[in-house]
C-alpha atoms as a PDB file:
ATOM      1  CA  SER A   1     115.806  95.161  87.016  1.00  0.00           C
ATOM      2  CA  MET A   2     113.293  97.773  85.916  1.00  0.00           C
ATOM      3  CA  THR A   3     109.772  96.729  84.964  1.00  0.00           C
ATOM      4  CA  THR A   4     108.294  98.033  81.741  1.00  0.00           C
ATOM      5  CA  ALA A   5     104.571  98.809  81.125  1.00  0.00           C
ATOM      6  CA  LYS A   6     104.521  96.020  78.580  1.00  0.00           C
ATOM      7  CA  GLN A   7     104.736  93.491  81.255  1.00  0.00           C
ATOM      8  CA  LEU A   8     102.143  95.052  83.606  1.00  0.00           C
ATOM      9  CA  PHE A   9      99.549  96.217  81.128  1.00  0.00           C
ATOM     10  CA  LEU A  10      98.772  92.687  79.725  1.00  0.00           C
ATOM     11  CA  PRO A  11      96.266  90.904  82.017  1.00  0.00           C
ATOM     12  CA  LEU A  12      96.890  87.616  80.061  1.00  0.00           C
ATOM     13  CA  THR A  13     100.423  86.181  80.197  1.00  0.00           C
ATOM     14  CA  ASP A  14     102.087  85.051  76.841  1.00  0.00           C
ATOM     15  CA  SER A  15     101.760  81.465  78.106  1.00  0.00           C
ATOM     16  CA  THR A  16      98.050  81.870  78.120  1.00  0.00           C
ATOM     17  CA  PRO A  17      96.400  80.806  74.780  1.00  0.00           C
ATOM     18  CA  ILE A  18      94.034  83.396  73.507  1.00  0.00           C
ATOM     19  CA  GLN A  19      91.324  82.307  71.265  1.00  0.00           C
ATOM     20  CA  ASP A  20      89.667  85.608  70.518  1.00  0.00           C
ATOM     21  CA  SER A  21      91.458  87.234  67.646  1.00  0.00           C
ATOM     22  CA  PHE A  22      90.373  90.689  68.786  1.00  0.00           C
ATOM     23  CA  LEU A  23      91.698  90.232  72.260  1.00  0.00           C
ATOM     24  CA  ARG A  24      94.972  88.752  70.808  1.00  0.00           C
ATOM     25  CA  SER A  25      95.387  91.724  68.628  1.00  0.00           C
ATOM     26  CA  ALA A  26      94.549  94.259  71.371  1.00  0.00           C
ATOM     27  CA  ARG A  27      97.167  92.586  73.564  1.00  0.00           C
ATOM     28  CA  ASN A  28      99.860  92.787  70.876  1.00  0.00           C
ATOM     29  CA  ASP A  29      99.068  96.438  70.000  1.00  0.00           C
ATOM     30  CA  ALA A  30      99.130  97.347  73.830  1.00  0.00           C
ATOM     31  CA  GLY A  31     102.636  95.700  73.983  1.00  0.00           C
ATOM     32  CA  LYS A  32     103.858  97.865  71.162  1.00  0.00           C
ATOM     33  CA  GLU A  33     102.508 100.983  72.451  1.00  0.00           C
ATOM     34  CA  GLU A  34     103.167 100.729  76.255  1.00  0.00           C
ATOM     35  CA  GLN A  35     106.933 100.711  76.226  1.00  0.00           C
ATOM     36  CA  LYS A  36     107.472 103.500  78.860  1.00  0.00           C
ATOM     37  CA  LEU A  37     108.495 102.641  82.260  1.00  0.00           C
ATOM     38  CA  ILE A  38     105.853 102.043  85.152  1.00  0.00           C
ATOM     39  CA  THR A  39     105.997 104.804  87.643  1.00  0.00           C
ATOM     40  CA  GLY A  40     103.766 106.356  90.252  1.00  0.00           C
ATOM     41  CA  LYS A  41     100.252 105.364  90.440  1.00  0.00           C
ATOM     42  CA  ARG A  42     100.355 102.350  88.191  1.00  0.00           C
ATOM     43  CA  MET A  43     103.332 100.857  90.143  1.00  0.00           C
ATOM     44  CA  ASP A  44     101.407 101.306  93.333  1.00  0.00           C
ATOM     45  CA  VAL A  45      98.509  99.627  91.905  1.00  0.00           C
ATOM     46  CA  PHE A  46     100.595  96.717  90.754  1.00  0.00           C
ATOM     47  CA  VAL A  47     102.052  96.415  94.220  1.00  0.00           C
ATOM     48  CA  ALA A  48      98.531  96.606  95.708  1.00  0.00           C
ATOM     49  CA  ILE A  49      97.260  93.971  93.400  1.00  0.00           C
ATOM     50  CA  SER A  50     100.234  91.687  94.069  1.00  0.00           C
ATOM     51  CA  ARG A  51      99.912  92.032  97.796  1.00  0.00           C
ATOM     52  CA  ALA A  52      96.174  91.457  97.620  1.00  0.00           C
ATOM     53  CA  GLY A  53      96.722  88.203  95.854  1.00  0.00           C
ATOM     54  CA  THR A  54      99.132  87.154  98.518  1.00  0.00           C
ATOM     55  CA  ALA A  55      96.654  87.923 101.194  1.00  0.00           C
ATOM     56  CA  GLY A  56      93.781  86.150  99.317  1.00  0.00           C
ATOM     57  CA  LEU A  57      91.653  89.291  99.058  1.00  0.00           C
ATOM     58  CA  THR A  58      88.556  89.418  96.959  1.00  0.00           C
ATOM     59  CA  MET A  59      88.265  91.525  93.835  1.00  0.00           C
ATOM     60  CA  ARG A  60      85.982  93.971  95.800  1.00  0.00           C
ATOM     61  CA  GLU A  61      88.572  94.305  98.527  1.00  0.00           C
ATOM     62  CA  MET A  62      91.248  94.873  96.025  1.00  0.00           C
ATOM     63  CA  VAL A  63      89.272  97.670  94.401  1.00  0.00           C
ATOM     64  CA  ALA A  64      88.991  99.244  97.892  1.00  0.00           C
ATOM     65  CA  ILE A  65      92.881  99.133  98.051  1.00  0.00           C
ATOM     66  CA  SER A  66      93.739 100.335  94.732  1.00  0.00           C
ATOM     67  CA  GLY A  67      90.794 102.437  93.752  1.00  0.00           C
ATOM     68  CA  ARG A  68      90.045 102.987  90.124  1.00  0.00           C
ATOM     69  CA  GLY A  69      93.707 103.072  89.507  1.00  0.00           C
ATOM     70  CA  ILE A  70      93.439  99.486  88.805  1.00  0.00           C
ATOM     71  CA  ASN A  71      91.980 100.487  85.396  1.00  0.00           C
ATOM     72  CA  CYS A  72      95.645 100.558  84.214  1.00  0.00           C
ATOM     73  CA  TRP A  73      95.353  96.795  83.731  1.00  0.00           C
ATOM     74  CA  THR A  74      92.313  97.010  81.623  1.00  0.00           C
ATOM     75  CA  GLN A  75      92.777 100.211  79.626  1.00  0.00           C
ATOM     76  CA  PRO A  76      94.235  98.484  76.484  1.00  0.00           C
ATOM     77  CA  PHE A  77      91.255  96.359  76.297  1.00  0.00           C
ATOM     78  CA  LYS A  78      88.551  98.718  77.190  1.00  0.00           C
ATOM     79  CA  ASP A  79      86.917  99.192  73.808  1.00  0.00           C
ATOM     80  CA  LEU A  80      86.420  95.516  73.319  1.00  0.00           C
ATOM     81  CA  ARG A  81      83.579  95.460  75.922  1.00  0.00           C
ATOM     82  CA  GLN A  82      84.676  91.951  76.966  1.00  0.00           C
ATOM     83  CA  MET A  83      85.299  90.250  80.299  1.00  0.00           C
ATOM     84  CA  LYS A  84      89.039  90.422  81.063  1.00  0.00           C
ATOM     85  CA  VAL A  85      91.178  88.264  83.380  1.00  0.00           C
ATOM     86  CA  ILE A  86      93.652  89.775  85.799  1.00  0.00           C
ATOM     87  CA  GLU A  87      96.332  87.617  87.302  1.00  0.00           C
ATOM     88  CA  ALA A  88      98.734  88.791  89.985  1.00  0.00           C
ATOM     89  CA  THR A  89     101.450  86.471  91.210  1.00  0.00           C
ATOM     90  CA  ASN A  90     103.828  86.871  94.084  1.00  0.00           C
ATOM     91  CA  GLU A  91     106.586  84.282  94.608  1.00  0.00           C
ATOM     92  CA  ARG A  92     108.122  83.330  97.780  1.00  0.00           C
ATOM     93  CA  ARG A  93     111.662  82.440  96.868  1.00  0.00           C
ATOM     94  CA  GLY A  94     112.340  80.624 100.000  1.00  0.00           C
ATOM     95  CA  GLY A  95     109.427  78.108 100.089  1.00  0.00           C
ATOM     96  CA  GLY A  96     108.950  78.280  96.228  1.00  0.00           C
ATOM     97  CA  THR A  97     105.332  79.042  96.897  1.00  0.00           C
ATOM     98  CA  VAL A  98     103.458  80.984  94.274  1.00  0.00           C
ATOM     99  CA  HIS A  99     100.251  82.807  95.298  1.00  0.00           C
ATOM    100  CA  ARG A 100      97.898  83.583  92.496  1.00  0.00           C
ATOM    101  CA  LEU A 101      94.838  85.913  92.268  1.00  0.00           C
ATOM    102  CA  ARG A 102      92.474  85.619  89.383  1.00  0.00           C
ATOM    103  CA  ALA A 103      89.614  87.905  88.934  1.00  0.00           C
ATOM    104  CA  THR A 104      87.305  88.832  86.053  1.00  0.00           C
ATOM    105  CA  VAL A 105      86.691  92.444  85.292  1.00  0.00           C
ATOM    106  CA  VAL A 106      83.790  93.591  83.278  1.00  0.00           C
ATOM    107  CA  VAL A 107      84.370  96.903  81.354  1.00  0.00           C
ATOM    108  CA  ASN A 108      81.126  98.745  80.858  1.00  0.00           C
ATOM    109  CA  GLU A 109      80.072 100.742  77.722  1.00  0.00           C
ATOM    110  CA  ASP A 110      80.971 104.069  79.398  1.00  0.00           C
ATOM    111  CA  GLY A 111      84.577 102.789  80.198  1.00  0.00           C
ATOM    112  CA  SER A 112      83.961 102.168  83.790  1.00  0.00           C
ATOM    113  CA  TRP A 113      84.325  98.688  85.232  1.00  0.00           C
ATOM    114  CA  ARG A 114      83.429  96.238  87.989  1.00  0.00           C
END
Protein backbone atom coordinates (compact mmCIF):
# COMPACT_ATOMS: atom_id res chain seq x y z
CA SER A 1 0.00 0.00 0.00
CA MET A 2 1.22 3.49 -0.76
CA THR A 3 1.74 5.97 2.03
CA THR A 4 0.37 9.48 1.69
CA ALA A 5 1.87 12.66 3.03
CA LYS A 6 -1.16 13.07 5.25
CA GLN A 7 0.02 10.15 7.36
CA LEU A 8 3.65 11.23 7.56
CA PHE A 9 3.25 14.98 8.00
CA LEU A 10 1.38 14.79 11.28
CA PRO A 11 3.64 14.38 14.31
CA LEU A 12 0.62 13.69 16.52
CA THR A 13 -1.45 10.63 15.77
CA ASP A 14 -5.24 10.87 15.60
CA SER A 15 -5.46 8.90 18.83
CA THR A 16 -3.52 11.60 20.68
CA PRO A 17 -5.77 14.18 22.34
CA ILE A 18 -4.76 17.70 21.34
CA GLN A 19 -5.69 20.37 23.86
CA ASP A 20 -4.27 23.32 21.93
CA SER A 21 -6.87 24.55 19.44
CA PHE A 22 -4.24 26.16 17.20
CA LEU A 23 -2.23 22.96 17.02
CA ARG A 24 -5.38 20.96 16.34
CA SER A 25 -6.39 23.37 13.58
CA ALA A 26 -2.92 23.27 12.03
CA ARG A 27 -2.99 19.48 12.00
CA ASN A 28 -6.35 19.42 10.27
CA ASP A 29 -5.23 21.98 7.68
CA ALA A 30 -2.04 20.03 7.02
CA GLY A 31 -4.08 16.89 6.47
CA LYS A 32 -6.21 18.60 3.84
CA GLU A 33 -3.32 20.23 2.01
CA GLU A 34 -0.79 17.41 2.00
CA GLN A 35 -2.51 14.72 -0.02
CA LYS A 36 0.29 14.12 -2.52
CA LEU A 37 2.33 10.96 -2.27
CA ILE A 38 5.53 10.88 -0.27
CA THR A 39 8.57 10.42 -2.48
CA GLY A 40 12.29 11.04 -2.48
CA LYS A 41 13.78 12.91 0.44
CA ARG A 42 10.71 12.84 2.68
CA MET A 43 10.40 9.07 2.36
CA ASP A 44 14.12 8.71 3.06
CA VAL A 45 13.68 10.80 6.20
CA PHE A 46 10.68 8.76 7.33
CA VAL A 47 12.68 5.55 6.92
CA ALA A 48 15.65 7.07 8.74
CA ILE A 49 13.47 8.17 11.64
CA SER A 50 11.81 4.76 11.87
CA ARG A 51 15.17 3.01 11.90
CA ALA A 52 16.50 5.48 14.47
CA GLY A 53 13.58 4.68 16.74
CA THR A 54 14.25 0.97 16.37
CA ALA A 55 17.91 1.47 17.19
CA GLY A 56 17.08 3.65 20.18
CA LEU A 57 18.98 6.62 18.82
CA THR A 58 18.76 10.07 20.37
CA MET A 59 17.25 13.07 18.62
CA ARG A 60 20.74 14.46 17.98
CA GLU A 61 21.81 11.19 16.39
CA MET A 62 18.66 11.14 14.28
CA VAL A 63 19.43 14.61 12.98
CA ALA A 64 22.88 13.42 11.95
CA ILE A 65 21.26 10.64 9.94
CA SER A 66 18.47 12.59 8.29
CA GLY A 67 19.85 16.13 8.15
CA ARG A 68 17.45 19.06 7.93
CA GLY A 69 15.14 16.91 5.85
CA ILE A 70 13.47 15.97 9.12
CA ASN A 71 11.78 19.36 8.82
CA CYS A 72 9.17 17.65 6.65
CA TRP A 73 7.64 16.51 9.94
CA THR A 74 7.41 19.97 11.47
CA GLN A 75 6.67 22.09 8.41
CA PRO A 76 2.86 22.25 8.88
CA PHE A 77 3.39 23.54 12.41
CA LYS A 78 6.34 25.84 11.78
CA ASP A 79 4.49 29.10 12.29
CA LEU A 80 3.05 28.10 15.65
CA ARG A 81 6.44 28.48 17.34
CA GLN A 82 5.60 25.69 19.73
CA MET A 83 7.26 22.50 20.83
CA LYS A 84 6.30 19.56 18.69
CA VAL A 85 6.35 15.84 19.30
CA ILE A 86 7.58 13.37 16.73
CA GLU A 87 6.73 9.75 17.22
CA ALA A 88 8.09 7.07 14.95
CA THR A 89 7.04 3.47 15.34
CA ASN A 90 8.46 0.30 13.92
CA GLU A 91 6.50 -2.91 14.40
CA ARG A 92 8.04 -6.34 14.40
CA ARG A 93 5.24 -8.60 13.20
CA GLY A 94 6.86 -11.76 14.50
CA GLY A 95 7.31 -10.84 18.14
CA GLY A 96 4.63 -8.19 18.17
CA THR A 97 7.11 -5.71 19.61
CA VAL A 98 6.57 -2.03 18.89
CA HIS A 99 9.57 0.26 19.15
CA ARG A 100 8.74 3.88 19.82
CA LEU A 101 10.79 7.00 19.58
CA ARG A 102 9.49 10.27 20.99
CA ALA A 103 11.36 13.53 20.60
CA THR A 104 10.46 17.15 21.09
CA VAL A 105 11.40 19.60 18.37
CA VAL A 106 11.59 23.31 19.06
CA VAL A 107 10.92 25.45 16.01
CA ASN A 108 12.75 28.76 16.20
CA GLU A 109 11.49 32.13 15.00
CA ASP A 110 13.52 31.90 11.79
CA GLY A 111 12.01 28.54 10.95
CA SER A 112 15.04 26.53 11.97
CA TRP A 113 14.67 23.84 14.58
CA ARG A 114 16.56 21.92 17.22
